[in-house]
Amino acid sequence: MPIPLRSDFDASQLRALARKTKDGPQARRLLALAAIYEGASRTEAARIGGVTLQIVRDWVVKFNAQGPEGLIDRKPAGQPSRLTDQHRQHLVQMIEAGPIPAVHGVVRWRLVDLIQWLWDEYRLPISKQTLSREVRALGYRKLSGRPQHHAKSEAAVSAFKKCSPARLEEIATDEADGKPLEIWFADEARIGQKNKITRRWAKRGTRPSAPRDLRTASTYIFGAICPAQGKAAGLVLPRCTTEAMTLHLAEISQAVAPDAHAVLLLDQAGWHVSRKLQVPSNITLVPLPAKAPELNPVENIWQYLRENWLSNRIFTSYSDILDHCCAAWNKLADQPWTIMSIGLREWAHQF
């Protein structure tokens, strides 16, 4: 005798579930069982499902025991992990602490280094692929680090972030005279014929090559961004001087909204704090703490420009450098969403 289906479902319910599910095999099985609810034979249900009578019987058993979820294919559990919770906890501690160059022989952890550490510490053999899955399951990814000065004062950085809201309110009241504020960041980057080589896709086991020049012609991109508005203002100039910075401030001033006042955060380079610097009336300069480049998102803008448009190439002349720098900055300025993604900071924008 065929096994009867459970009575708390009917054909219309199973067909509705089949329409909603994104699992194709489950939908096919639901439709086969719906036909049985409507009075079709098990042979007809097997034809609908494209299987044998025995498999239809197995579907009925699983459906009666677990409901519609029992018709979803389950992945086999596989072999148990070689790593225990103790191993994972110790692994997290090692990743967070980072390697000691004198002890581990490297300045950053690679999978092969962690594999060697697991063997030295626990005599635990593990493959690179398995360890990669374990590390990713722990929430770790290979991320690009933000620049950080070795002599940075954490106390000065914390104090600057803490006092930023009060300083902005003071600027809004005094210099801005009640106008809305636009928060800008500015910095300079040297681009030259001695260019960078970045990562690229290549066949595993090969060594991709990239052009490299040893000539010394170079120029500077003076760049500023307003992350909240997705705006950018930049100039390409031959040197970093007070006169060049004055030109850049004039360019930023034109990009500020007519009814707004700009707060420009920048480092304490000599041409940023010079008394000869001519600051437009709609801009207030706010120097960042010394030796804290990670507070300035324009540092990450330079990394983005180099990795996408300025690296892995030969500049044939000084004019060629100028053309590529201008083209790269203009591409960035046409992508406000990129400026927002890279430049927004919680401590500065209070989100």
C-alpha atoms as a PDB file:
ATOM      1  CA  MET A   1       0.000   0.000   0.000  1.00  0.00           C
ATOM      2  CA  PRO A   2       1.324   3.498  -0.798  1.00  0.00           C
ATOM      3  CA  ILE A   3       2.244   5.689   2.167  1.00  0.00           C
ATOM      4  CA  PRO A   4      -0.425   8.403   2.643  1.00  0.00           C
ATOM      5  CA  LEU A   5       0.621  12.049   2.652  1.00  0.00           C
ATOM      6  CA  ARG A   6       0.238  14.147   5.791  1.00  0.00           C
ATOM      7  CA  SER A   7      -3.149  15.829   6.088  1.00  0.00           C
ATOM      8  CA  ASP A   8      -2.101  19.365   7.118  1.00  0.00           C
ATOM      9  CA  PHE A   9      -1.154  20.301   3.521  1.00  0.00           C
ATOM     10  CA  ASP A  10      -3.052  20.249   0.242  1.00  0.00           C
ATOM     11  CA  ALA A  11      -2.279  20.602  -3.476  1.00  0.00           C
ATOM     12  CA  SER A  12      -2.855  24.373  -3.640  1.00  0.00           C
ATOM     13  CA  GLN A  13      -0.442  25.008  -0.772  1.00  0.00           C
ATOM     14  CA  LEU A  14       2.305  22.909  -2.374  1.00  0.00           C
ATOM     15  CA  ARG A  15       1.865  24.624  -5.741  1.00  0.00           C
ATOM     16  CA  ALA A  16       2.084  28.023  -4.033  1.00  0.00           C
ATOM     17  CA  LEU A  17       5.302  26.942  -2.310  1.00  0.00           C
ATOM     18  CA  ALA A  18       6.689  25.681  -5.621  1.00  0.00           C
ATOM     19  CA  ARG A  19       6.106  29.104  -7.192  1.00  0.00           C
ATOM     20  CA  LYS A  20       7.920  30.907  -4.364  1.00  0.00           C
ATOM     21  CA  THR A  21      10.934  28.678  -3.897  1.00  0.00           C
ATOM     22  CA  LYS A  22      14.217  29.402  -5.702  1.00  0.00           C
ATOM     23  CA  ASP A  23      15.320  25.777  -5.379  1.00  0.00           C
ATOM     24  CA  GLY A  24      14.495  24.004  -8.656  1.00  0.00           C
ATOM     25  CA  PRO A  25      14.661  20.397  -7.371  1.00  0.00           C
ATOM     26  CA  GLN A  26      12.435  21.281  -4.398  1.00  0.00           C
ATOM     27  CA  ALA A  27       9.862  22.892  -6.737  1.00  0.00           C
ATOM     28  CA  ARG A  28       9.795  19.760  -8.923  1.00  0.00           C
ATOM     29  CA  ARG A  29       9.211  17.532  -5.888  1.00  0.00           C
ATOM     30  CA  LEU A  30       6.482  19.806  -4.525  1.00  0.00           C
ATOM     31  CA  LEU A  31       4.625  19.665  -7.861  1.00  0.00           C
ATOM     32  CA  ALA A  32       4.881  15.871  -7.927  1.00  0.00           C
ATOM     33  CA  LEU A  33       3.400  15.597  -4.420  1.00  0.00           C
ATOM     34  CA  ALA A  34       0.735  18.179  -5.293  1.00  0.00           C
ATOM     35  CA  ALA A  35      -0.406  15.856  -8.089  1.00  0.00           C
ATOM     36  CA  ILE A  36      -0.781  13.040  -5.530  1.00  0.00           C
ATOM     37  CA  TYR A  37      -2.914  15.326  -3.348  1.00  0.00           C
ATOM     38  CA  GLU A  38      -5.139  15.908  -6.391  1.00  0.00           C
ATOM     39  CA  GLY A  39      -5.655  12.144  -6.843  1.00  0.00           C
ATOM     40  CA  ALA A  40      -2.915  11.277  -9.360  1.00  0.00           C
ATOM     41  CA  SER A  41      -1.222   7.888  -9.046  1.00  0.00           C
ATOM     42  CA  ARG A  42       2.314   7.463  -7.748  1.00  0.00           C
ATOM     43  CA  THR A  43       3.308   6.423 -11.269  1.00  0.00           C
ATOM     44  CA  GLU A  44       2.033   9.750 -12.623  1.00  0.00           C
ATOM     45  CA  ALA A  45       3.870  11.606  -9.818  1.00  0.00           C
ATOM     46  CA  ALA A  46       7.074   9.759 -10.722  1.00  0.00           C
ATOM     47  CA  ARG A  47       6.634  10.853 -14.349  1.00  0.00           C
ATOM     48  CA  ILE A  48       6.155  14.488 -13.279  1.00  0.00           C
ATOM     49  CA  GLY A  49       9.257  14.332 -11.109  1.00  0.00           C
ATOM     50  CA  GLY A  50      11.287  12.404 -13.674  1.00  0.00           C
ATOM     51  CA  VAL A  51      12.211   9.713 -11.148  1.00  0.00           C
ATOM     52  CA  THR A  52      11.324   6.173 -10.116  1.00  0.00           C
ATOM     53  CA  LEU A  53       8.528   5.034  -7.786  1.00  0.00           C
ATOM     54  CA  GLN A  54      11.041   4.312  -5.023  1.00  0.00           C
ATOM     55  CA  ILE A  55      12.306   7.900  -5.096  1.00  0.00           C
ATOM     56  CA  VAL A  56       8.717   9.214  -4.929  1.00  0.00           C
ATOM     57  CA  ARG A  57       8.258   7.021  -1.864  1.00  0.00           C
ATOM     58  CA  ASP A  58      11.406   8.576  -0.327  1.00  0.00           C
ATOM     59  CA  TRP A  59       9.998  12.055  -1.047  1.00  0.00           C
ATOM     60  CA  VAL A  60       6.755  11.181   0.707  1.00  0.00           C
ATOM     61  CA  VAL A  61       8.612   9.888   3.771  1.00  0.00           C
ATOM     62  CA  LYS A  62      10.760  13.026   4.021  1.00  0.00           C
ATOM     63  CA  PHE A  63       7.785  15.316   3.420  1.00  0.00           C
ATOM     64  CA  ASN A  64       5.711  13.607   6.113  1.00  0.00           C
ATOM     65  CA  ALA A  65       8.587  13.892   8.594  1.00  0.00           C
ATOM     66  CA  GLN A  66       9.955  17.402   7.866  1.00  0.00           C
ATOM     67  CA  GLY A  67       7.429  19.179   5.672  1.00  0.00           C
ATOM     68  CA  PRO A  68       8.523  21.126   2.548  1.00  0.00           C
ATOM     69  CA  GLU A  69      12.037  21.618   4.011  1.00  0.00           C
ATOM     70  CA  GLY A  70      12.574  17.879   3.808  1.00  0.00           C
ATOM     71  CA  LEU A  71      12.483  18.116  -0.007  1.00  0.00           C
ATOM     72  CA  ILE A  72      15.601  20.333  -0.141  1.00  0.00           C
ATOM     73  CA  ASP A  73      18.872  18.594  -1.002  1.00  0.00           C
ATOM     74  CA  ARG A  74      21.199  18.572   1.966  1.00  0.00           C
ATOM     75  CA  LYS A  75      24.932  18.883   1.498  1.00  0.00           C
ATOM     76  CA  PRO A  76      26.927  16.090   3.116  1.00  0.00           C
ATOM     77  CA  ALA A  77      28.653  17.102   6.312  1.00  0.00           C
ATOM     78  CA  GLY A  78      32.058  15.956   5.044  1.00  0.00           C
ATOM     79  CA  GLN A  79      35.090  15.322   7.208  1.00  0.00           C
ATOM     80  CA  PRO A  80      35.275  17.121  10.554  1.00  0.00           C
ATOM     81  CA  SER A  81      37.533  20.174  10.677  1.00  0.00           C
ATOM     82  CA  ARG A  82      41.102  19.677  11.810  1.00  0.00           C
ATOM     83  CA  LEU A  83      40.896  22.901  13.816  1.00  0.00           C
ATOM     84  CA  THR A  84      39.257  22.896  17.227  1.00  0.00           C
ATOM     85  CA  ASP A  85      37.793  25.922  18.974  1.00  0.00           C
ATOM     86  CA  GLN A  86      41.051  26.229  20.922  1.00  0.00           C
ATOM     87  CA  HIS A  87      43.015  26.307  17.657  1.00  0.00           C
ATOM     88  CA  ARG A  88      40.715  28.956  16.204  1.00  0.00           C
ATOM     89  CA  GLN A  89      40.934  31.134  19.318  1.00  0.00           C
ATOM     90  CA  HIS A  90      44.730  31.003  19.278  1.00  0.00           C
ATOM     91  CA  LEU A  91      44.729  31.643  15.513  1.00  0.00           C
ATOM     92  CA  VAL A  92      42.637  34.792  15.988  1.00  0.00           C
ATOM     93  CA  GLN A  93      45.067  36.016  18.643  1.00  0.00           C
ATOM     94  CA  MET A  94      48.028  35.501  16.303  1.00  0.00           C
ATOM     95  CA  ILE A  95      46.316  37.286  13.389  1.00  0.00           C
ATOM     96  CA  GLU A  96      45.325  40.242  15.569  1.00  0.00           C
ATOM     97  CA  ALA A  97      48.784  40.547  17.131  1.00  0.00           C
ATOM     98  CA  GLY A  98      50.599  40.189  13.809  1.00  0.00           C
ATOM     99  CA  PRO A  99      53.946  38.482  13.262  1.00  0.00           C
ATOM    100  CA  ILE A 100      57.167  39.370  15.077  1.00  0.00           C
ATOM    101  CA  PRO A 101      59.732  39.780  12.267  1.00  0.00           C
ATOM    102  CA  ALA A 102      62.659  38.582  14.372  1.00  0.00           C
ATOM    103  CA  VAL A 103      60.766  35.439  15.407  1.00  0.00           C
ATOM    104  CA  HIS A 104      58.531  34.587  12.448  1.00  0.00           C
ATOM    105  CA  GLY A 105      60.709  36.010   9.682  1.00  0.00           C
ATOM    106  CA  VAL A 106      57.879  37.958   7.987  1.00  0.00           C
ATOM    107  CA  VAL A 107      56.234  41.366   8.442  1.00  0.00           C
ATOM    108  CA  ARG A 108      52.715  40.234   7.493  1.00  0.00           C
ATOM    109  CA  TRP A 109      50.915  36.936   7.819  1.00  0.00           C
ATOM    110  CA  ARG A 110      50.478  34.809   4.730  1.00  0.00           C
ATOM    111  CA  LEU A 111      48.566  31.556   4.687  1.00  0.00           C
ATOM    112  CA  VAL A 112      51.814  29.598   4.321  1.00  0.00           C
ATOM    113  CA  ASP A 113      53.199  31.335   7.425  1.00  0.00           C
ATOM    114  CA  LEU A 114      50.102  30.483   9.463  1.00  0.00           C
ATOM    115  CA  ILE A 115      50.292  26.891   8.209  1.00  0.00           C
ATOM    116  CA  GLN A 116      53.890  26.707   9.437  1.00  0.00           C
ATOM    117  CA  TRP A 117      52.894  28.245  12.770  1.00  0.00           C
ATOM    118  CA  LEU A 118      50.126  25.658  13.264  1.00  0.00           C
ATOM    119  CA  TRP A 119      52.619  22.891  12.580  1.00  0.00           C
ATOM    120  CA  ASP A 120      55.254  24.334  14.914  1.00  0.00           C
ATOM    121  CA  GLU A 121      52.749  25.002  17.671  1.00  0.00           C
ATOM    122  CA  TYR A 122      50.390  22.007  17.438  1.00  0.00           C
ATOM    123  CA  ARG A 123      52.002  19.623  14.905  1.00  0.00           C
ATOM    124  CA  LEU A 124      48.780  20.120  12.937  1.00  0.00           C
ATOM    125  CA  PRO A 125      48.999  19.552   9.152  1.00  0.00           C
ATOM    126  CA  ILE A 126      46.517  21.619   7.147  1.00  0.00           C
ATOM    127  CA  SER A 127      46.235  22.621   3.500  1.00  0.00           C
ATOM    128  CA  LYS A 128      46.296  26.176   2.213  1.00  0.00           C
ATOM    129  CA  GLN A 129      42.728  25.886   0.860  1.00  0.00           C
ATOM    130  CA  THR A 130      41.368  24.573   4.175  1.00  0.00           C
ATOM    131  CA  LEU A 131      43.074  27.278   6.209  1.00  0.00           C
ATOM    132  CA  SER A 132      41.786  29.918   3.791  1.00  0.00           C
ATOM    133  CA  ARG A 133      38.210  28.728   4.399  1.00  0.00           C
ATOM    134  CA  GLU A 134      38.772  28.728   8.161  1.00  0.00           C
ATOM    135  CA  VAL A 135      40.255  32.234   8.214  1.00  0.00           C
ATOM    136  CA  ARG A 136      37.431  33.602   6.054  1.00  0.00           C
ATOM    137  CA  ALA A 137      34.861  31.889   8.283  1.00  0.00           C
ATOM    138  CA  LEU A 138      36.411  33.772  11.222  1.00  0.00           C
ATOM    139  CA  GLY A 139      35.588  37.031   9.424  1.00  0.00           C
ATOM    140  CA  TYR A 140      39.021  37.925   8.062  1.00  0.00           C
ATOM    141  CA  ARG A 141      39.758  39.229   4.570  1.00  0.00           C
ATOM    142  CA  LYS A 142      42.860  40.613   2.878  1.00  0.00           C
ATOM    143  CA  LEU A 143      42.321  44.348   3.157  1.00  0.00           C
ATOM    144  CA  SER A 144      44.463  47.280   2.121  1.00  0.00           C
ATOM    145  CA  GLY A 145      45.932  49.048   5.139  1.00  0.00           C
ATOM    146  CA  ARG A 146      45.590  52.763   5.711  1.00  0.00           C
ATOM    147  CA  PRO A 147      48.839  54.714   6.077  1.00  0.00           C
ATOM    148  CA  GLN A 148      49.931  55.298   9.659  1.00  0.00           C
ATOM    149  CA  HIS A 149      52.993  57.140  10.948  1.00  0.00           C
ATOM    150  CA  HIS A 150      55.209  55.216  13.355  1.00  0.00           C
ATOM    151  CA  ALA A 151      55.475  58.220  15.698  1.00  0.00           C
ATOM    152  CA  LYS A 152      51.769  59.044  15.780  1.00  0.00           C
ATOM    153  CA  SER A 153      50.301  60.237  19.069  1.00  0.00           C
ATOM    154  CA  GLU A 154      47.115  58.315  19.794  1.00  0.00           C
ATOM    155  CA  ALA A 155      46.186  60.840  22.469  1.00  0.00           C
ATOM    156  CA  ALA A 156      46.409  63.740  20.000  1.00  0.00           C
ATOM    157  CA  VAL A 157      44.286  61.881  17.434  1.00  0.00           C
ATOM    158  CA  SER A 158      41.622  61.001  20.019  1.00  0.00           C
ATOM    159  CA  ALA A 159      41.540  64.570  21.299  1.00  0.00           C
ATOM    160  CA  PHE A 160      41.201  65.931  17.758  1.00  0.00           C
ATOM    161  CA  LYS A 161      38.260  63.627  16.976  1.00  0.00           C
ATOM    162  CA  LYS A 162      36.608  64.426  20.298  1.00  0.00           C
ATOM    163  CA  CYS A 163      36.939  68.191  19.823  1.00  0.00           C
ATOM    164  CA  SER A 164      35.921  68.207  16.138  1.00  0.00           C
ATOM    165  CA  PRO A 165      32.152  68.775  16.705  1.00  0.00           C
ATOM    166  CA  ALA A 166      32.806  71.722  19.006  1.00  0.00           C
ATOM    167  CA  ARG A 167      35.335  73.209  16.574  1.00  0.00           C
ATOM    168  CA  LEU A 168      32.864  72.883  13.678  1.00  0.00           C
ATOM    169  CA  GLU A 169      30.143  74.604  15.706  1.00  0.00           C
ATOM    170  CA  GLU A 170      32.569  77.431  16.477  1.00  0.00           C
ATOM    171  CA  ILE A 171      33.434  77.842  12.781  1.00  0.00           C
ATOM    172  CA  ALA A 172      29.749  77.759  11.811  1.00  0.00           C
ATOM    173  CA  THR A 173      29.037  80.575  14.266  1.00  0.00           C
ATOM    174  CA  ASP A 174      32.070  82.793  13.624  1.00  0.00           C
ATOM    175  CA  GLU A 175      33.784  82.348  10.237  1.00  0.00           C
ATOM    176  CA  ALA A 176      30.745  80.908   8.414  1.00  0.00           C
ATOM    177  CA  ASP A 177      28.327  83.416   9.976  1.00  0.00           C
ATOM    178  CA  GLY A 178      25.549  80.812  10.120  1.00  0.00           C
ATOM    179  CA  LYS A 179      26.084  79.393   6.621  1.00  0.00           C
ATOM    180  CA  PRO A 180      25.973  75.588   6.164  1.00  0.00           C
ATOM    181  CA  LEU A 181      29.385  73.925   6.349  1.00  0.00           C
ATOM    182  CA  GLU A 182      31.045  71.740   3.737  1.00  0.00           C
ATOM    183  CA  ILE A 183      33.808  69.503   5.105  1.00  0.00           C
ATOM    184  CA  TRP A 184      36.735  69.167   2.688  1.00  0.00           C
ATOM    185  CA  PHE A 185      40.013  67.263   2.869  1.00  0.00           C
ATOM    186  CA  ALA A 186      43.136  68.200   0.887  1.00  0.00           C
ATOM    187  CA  ASP A 187      46.546  66.683   0.196  1.00  0.00           C
ATOM    188  CA  GLU A 188      49.223  66.384  -2.509  1.00  0.00           C
ATOM    189  CA  ALA A 189      50.671  63.383  -4.312  1.00  0.00           C
ATOM    190  CA  ARG A 190      53.852  63.155  -6.364  1.00  0.00           C
ATOM    191  CA  ILE A 191      53.421  61.304  -9.663  1.00  0.00           C
ATOM    192  CA  GLY A 192      56.533  60.560 -11.712  1.00  0.00           C
ATOM    193  CA  GLN A 193      58.244  58.320 -14.206  1.00  0.00           C
ATOM    194  CA  LYS A 194      59.467  56.080 -11.369  1.00  0.00           C
ATOM    195  CA  ASN A 195      56.026  54.572 -11.194  1.00  0.00           C
ATOM    196  CA  LYS A 196      54.314  51.926  -9.081  1.00  0.00           C
ATOM    197  CA  ILE A 197      53.623  48.310 -10.067  1.00  0.00           C
ATOM    198  CA  THR A 198      50.314  46.990  -8.749  1.00  0.00           C
ATOM    199  CA  ARG A 199      48.688  43.565  -8.557  1.00  0.00           C
ATOM    200  CA  ARG A 200      47.023  42.152 -11.663  1.00  0.00           C
ATOM    201  CA  TRP A 201      45.140  39.017 -12.703  1.00  0.00           C
ATOM    202  CA  ALA A 202      47.400  36.301 -14.073  1.00  0.00           C
ATOM    203  CA  LYS A 203      47.537  32.523 -14.421  1.00  0.00           C
ATOM    204  CA  ARG A 204      48.435  30.733 -11.231  1.00  0.00           C
ATOM    205  CA  GLY A 205      52.118  29.851 -11.178  1.00  0.00           C
ATOM    206  CA  THR A 206      53.152  32.636 -13.566  1.00  0.00           C
ATOM    207  CA  ARG A 207      54.945  35.918 -12.895  1.00  0.00           C
ATOM    208  CA  PRO A 208      53.154  38.779 -14.670  1.00  0.00           C
ATOM    209  CA  SER A 209      55.434  41.567 -15.871  1.00  0.00           C
ATOM    210  CA  ALA A 210      54.763  45.302 -15.893  1.00  0.00           C
ATOM    211  CA  PRO A 211      56.688  48.232 -17.427  1.00  0.00           C
ATOM    212  CA  ARG A 212      58.994  50.150 -15.080  1.00  0.00           C
ATOM    213  CA  ASP A 213      60.828  53.408 -15.792  1.00  0.00           C
ATOM    214  CA  LEU A 214      63.914  54.746 -14.018  1.00  0.00           C
ATOM    215  CA  ARG A 215      63.711  58.332 -15.233  1.00  0.00           C
ATOM    216  CA  THR A 216      62.922  61.054 -12.699  1.00  0.00           C
ATOM    217  CA  ALA A 217      60.497  63.559 -14.252  1.00  0.00           C
ATOM    218  CA  SER A 218      57.541  64.159 -11.934  1.00  0.00           C
ATOM    219  CA  THR A 219      54.716  66.477 -11.008  1.00  0.00           C
ATOM    220  CA  TYR A 220      52.231  66.930  -8.156  1.00  0.00           C
ATOM    221  CA  ILE A 221      48.478  66.502  -7.958  1.00  0.00           C
ATOM    222  CA  PHE A 222      46.917  68.962  -5.532  1.00  0.00           C
ATOM    223  CA  GLY A 223      43.642  67.252  -4.659  1.00  0.00           C
ATOM    224  CA  ALA A 224      40.704  68.053  -2.386  1.00  0.00           C
ATOM    225  CA  ILE A 225      37.422  66.217  -1.857  1.00  0.00           C
ATOM    226  CA  CYS A 226      34.117  66.954  -0.144  1.00  0.00           C
ATOM    227  CA  PRO A 227      32.876  63.428   0.707  1.00  0.00           C
ATOM    228  CA  ALA A 228      29.415  64.445   1.877  1.00  0.00           C
ATOM    229  CA  GLN A 229      28.681  66.118  -1.466  1.00  0.00           C
ATOM    230  CA  GLY A 230      30.827  63.844  -3.654  1.00  0.00           C
ATOM    231  CA  LYS A 231      32.739  66.856  -4.997  1.00  0.00           C
ATOM    232  CA  ALA A 232      36.398  67.179  -5.949  1.00  0.00           C
ATOM    233  CA  ALA A 233      38.707  70.074  -6.806  1.00  0.00           C
ATOM    234  CA  GLY A 234      42.237  69.509  -8.056  1.00  0.00           C
ATOM    235  CA  LEU A 235      45.198  71.016  -9.895  1.00  0.00           C
ATOM    236  CA  VAL A 236      48.320  69.455 -11.387  1.00  0.00           C
ATOM    237  CA  LEU A 237      51.325  71.668 -10.571  1.00  0.00           C
ATOM    238  CA  PRO A 238      55.100  71.269 -10.902  1.00  0.00           C
ATOM    239  CA  ARG A 239      56.069  71.937  -7.260  1.00  0.00           C
ATOM    240  CA  CYS A 240      54.678  72.065  -3.736  1.00  0.00           C
ATOM    241  CA  THR A 241      54.982  75.719  -2.725  1.00  0.00           C
ATOM    242  CA  THR A 242      52.917  78.359  -0.986  1.00  0.00           C
ATOM    243  CA  GLU A 243      52.059  79.879  -4.362  1.00  0.00           C
ATOM    244  CA  ALA A 244      50.833  76.510  -5.658  1.00  0.00           C
ATOM    245  CA  MET A 245      48.730  76.004  -2.529  1.00  0.00           C
ATOM    246  CA  THR A 246      47.201  79.462  -2.995  1.00  0.00           C
ATOM    247  CA  LEU A 247      46.121  78.442  -6.502  1.00  0.00           C
ATOM    248  CA  HIS A 248      44.623  75.232  -5.128  1.00  0.00           C
ATOM    249  CA  LEU A 249      42.662  77.097  -2.454  1.00  0.00           C
ATOM    250  CA  ALA A 250      41.233  79.335  -5.151  1.00  0.00           C
ATOM    251  CA  GLU A 251      40.142  76.228  -7.084  1.00  0.00           C
ATOM    252  CA  ILE A 252      38.489  74.765  -3.978  1.00  0.00           C
ATOM    253  CA  SER A 253      36.776  78.088  -3.280  1.00  0.00           C
ATOM    254  CA  GLN A 254      35.069  77.950  -6.678  1.00  0.00           C
ATOM    255  CA  ALA A 255      33.786  74.419  -5.971  1.00  0.00           C
ATOM    256  CA  VAL A 256      32.156  75.405  -2.668  1.00  0.00           C
ATOM    257  CA  ALA A 257      28.420  76.084  -2.911  1.00  0.00           C
ATOM    258  CA  PRO A 258      27.617  79.843  -3.086  1.00  0.00           C
ATOM    259  CA  ASP A 259      25.642  79.781   0.165  1.00  0.00           C
ATOM    260  CA  ALA A 260      28.080  77.532   2.082  1.00  0.00           C
ATOM    261  CA  HIS A 261      31.388  77.767   3.936  1.00  0.00           C
ATOM    262  CA  ALA A 262      34.165  75.188   3.574  1.00  0.00           C
ATOM    263  CA  VAL A 263      36.120  73.669   6.439  1.00  0.00           C
ATOM    264  CA  LEU A 264      39.329  72.350   4.864  1.00  0.00           C
ATOM    265  CA  LEU A 265      41.193  69.694   6.857  1.00  0.00           C
ATOM    266  CA  LEU A 266      44.810  69.160   5.816  1.00  0.00           C
ATOM    267  CA  ASP A 267      48.161  68.198   7.287  1.00  0.00           C
ATOM    268  CA  GLN A 268      50.735  70.618   8.670  1.00  0.00           C
ATOM    269  CA  ALA A 269      53.059  70.819   5.664  1.00  0.00           C
ATOM    270  CA  GLY A 270      54.962  74.098   5.414  1.00  0.00           C
ATOM    271  CA  TRP A 271      52.990  75.377   2.424  1.00  0.00           C
ATOM    272  CA  HIS A 272      49.707  74.620   4.287  1.00  0.00           C
ATOM    273  CA  VAL A 273      50.503  76.760   7.339  1.00  0.00           C
ATOM    274  CA  SER A 274      52.582  79.521   5.760  1.00  0.00           C
ATOM    275  CA  ARG A 275      51.668  83.088   6.738  1.00  0.00           C
ATOM    276  CA  LYS A 276      52.014  84.056   3.075  1.00  0.00           C
ATOM    277  CA  LEU A 277      49.193  81.698   2.104  1.00  0.00           C
ATOM    278  CA  GLN A 278      46.175  83.529   0.706  1.00  0.00           C
ATOM    279  CA  VAL A 279      43.031  81.847   2.056  1.00  0.00           C
ATOM    280  CA  PRO A 280      39.680  82.702   0.397  1.00  0.00           C
ATOM    281  CA  SER A 281      36.986  84.127   2.637  1.00  0.00           C
ATOM    282  CA  ASN A 282      34.726  81.076   2.202  1.00  0.00           C
ATOM    283  CA  ILE A 283      37.363  78.609   3.464  1.00  0.00           C
ATOM    284  CA  THR A 284      38.623  77.935   6.987  1.00  0.00           C
ATOM    285  CA  LEU A 285      41.756  75.796   7.355  1.00  0.00           C
ATOM    286  CA  VAL A 286      41.829  73.205  10.136  1.00  0.00           C
ATOM    287  CA  PRO A 287      45.208  71.453  10.532  1.00  0.00           C
ATOM    288  CA  LEU A 288      45.159  67.758  11.340  1.00  0.00           C
ATOM    289  CA  PRO A 289      47.324  66.325  14.144  1.00  0.00           C
ATOM    290  CA  ALA A 290      50.937  65.726  13.207  1.00  0.00           C
ATOM    291  CA  LYS A 291      51.985  62.303  11.935  1.00  0.00           C
ATOM    292  CA  ALA A 292      48.363  61.113  11.478  1.00  0.00           C
ATOM    293  CA  PRO A 293      47.834  60.610   7.721  1.00  0.00           C
ATOM    294  CA  GLU A 294      45.086  58.033   8.342  1.00  0.00           C
ATOM    295  CA  LEU A 295      42.791  60.926   9.333  1.00  0.00           C
ATOM    296  CA  ASN A 296      42.957  62.265   5.776  1.00  0.00           C
ATOM    297  CA  PRO A 297      40.922  60.173   3.275  1.00  0.00           C
ATOM    298  CA  VAL A 298      42.724  61.823   0.360  1.00  0.00           C
ATOM    299  CA  GLU A 299      45.573  59.414   1.167  1.00  0.00           C
ATOM    300  CA  ASN A 300      43.207  56.629   0.111  1.00  0.00           C
ATOM    301  CA  ILE A 301      42.231  58.631  -2.975  1.00  0.00           C
ATOM    302  CA  TRP A 302      45.873  58.558  -4.092  1.00  0.00           C
ATOM    303  CA  GLN A 303      45.951  54.815  -3.628  1.00  0.00           C
ATOM    304  CA  TYR A 304      42.777  54.467  -5.710  1.00  0.00           C
ATOM    305  CA  LEU A 305      44.158  56.652  -8.523  1.00  0.00           C
ATOM    306  CA  ARG A 306      47.447  54.783  -8.654  1.00  0.00           C
ATOM    307  CA  GLU A 307      45.900  51.319  -8.588  1.00  0.00           C
ATOM    308  CA  ASN A 308      43.354  52.072 -11.308  1.00  0.00           C
ATOM    309  CA  TRP A 309      44.806  54.659 -13.680  1.00  0.00           C
ATOM    310  CA  LEU A 310      48.387  55.728 -12.949  1.00  0.00           C
ATOM    311  CA  SER A 311      50.414  52.585 -12.224  1.00  0.00           C
ATOM    312  CA  ASN A 312      51.861  49.911 -14.535  1.00  0.00           C
ATOM    313  CA  ARG A 313      52.609  52.409 -17.304  1.00  0.00           C
ATOM    314  CA  ILE A 314      55.469  54.366 -18.862  1.00  0.00           C
ATOM    315  CA  PHE A 315      55.256  58.161 -19.047  1.00  0.00           C
ATOM    316  CA  THR A 316      57.131  59.215 -22.158  1.00  0.00           C
ATOM    317  CA  SER A 317      57.569  62.848 -21.144  1.00  0.00           C
ATOM    318  CA  TYR A 318      56.625  65.474 -18.578  1.00  0.00           C
ATOM    319  CA  SER A 319      53.650  66.464 -20.732  1.00  0.00           C
ATOM    320  CA  ASP A 320      52.543  62.849 -20.773  1.00  0.00           C
ATOM    321  CA  ILE A 321      52.589  62.813 -16.957  1.00  0.00           C
ATOM    322  CA  LEU A 322      50.454  65.955 -16.878  1.00  0.00           C
ATOM    323  CA  ASP A 323      47.926  64.505 -19.315  1.00  0.00           C
ATOM    324  CA  HIS A 324      47.518  61.246 -17.384  1.00  0.00           C
ATOM    325  CA  CYS A 325      47.279  63.004 -14.003  1.00  0.00           C
ATOM    326  CA  CYS A 326      44.590  65.360 -15.310  1.00  0.00           C
ATOM    327  CA  ALA A 327      42.690  62.485 -16.920  1.00  0.00           C
ATOM    328  CA  ALA A 328      42.824  60.397 -13.718  1.00  0.00           C
ATOM    329  CA  TRP A 329      41.597  63.264 -11.528  1.00  0.00           C
ATOM    330  CA  ASN A 330      38.790  64.116 -13.950  1.00  0.00           C
ATOM    331  CA  LYS A 331      37.665  60.483 -13.941  1.00  0.00           C
ATOM    332  CA  LEU A 332      37.523  60.587 -10.156  1.00  0.00           C
ATOM    333  CA  ALA A 333      35.588  63.864 -10.175  1.00  0.00           C
ATOM    334  CA  ASP A 334      32.996  62.222 -12.458  1.00  0.00           C
ATOM    335  CA  GLN A 335      32.400  59.479  -9.842  1.00  0.00           C
ATOM    336  CA  PRO A 336      30.839  61.176  -6.780  1.00  0.00           C
ATOM    337  CA  TRP A 337      29.801  57.794  -5.381  1.00  0.00           C
ATOM    338  CA  THR A 338      33.477  56.753  -5.303  1.00  0.00           C
ATOM    339  CA  ILE A 339      34.443  59.934  -3.468  1.00  0.00           C
ATOM    340  CA  MET A 340      31.684  59.285  -0.912  1.00  0.00           C
ATOM    341  CA  SER A 341      32.652  55.648  -0.454  1.00  0.00           C
ATOM    342  CA  ILE A 342      36.338  56.417   0.098  1.00  0.00           C
ATOM    343  CA  GLY A 343      36.084  59.730   1.905  1.00  0.00           C
ATOM    344  CA  LEU A 344      33.256  59.593   4.438  1.00  0.00           C
ATOM    345  CA  ARG A 345      34.481  59.367   8.040  1.00  0.00           C
ATOM    346  CA  GLU A 346      32.246  58.895  11.077  1.00  0.00           C
ATOM    347  CA  TRP A 347      34.220  61.261  13.302  1.00  0.00           C
ATOM    348  CA  ALA A 348      34.032  64.065  10.714  1.00  0.00           C
ATOM    349  CA  HIS A 349      30.533  63.614   9.308  1.00  0.00           C
ATOM    350  CA  GLN A 350      28.702  62.392  12.436  1.00  0.00           C
ATOM    351  CA  PHE A 351      26.793  59.518  10.793  1.00  0.00           C
END
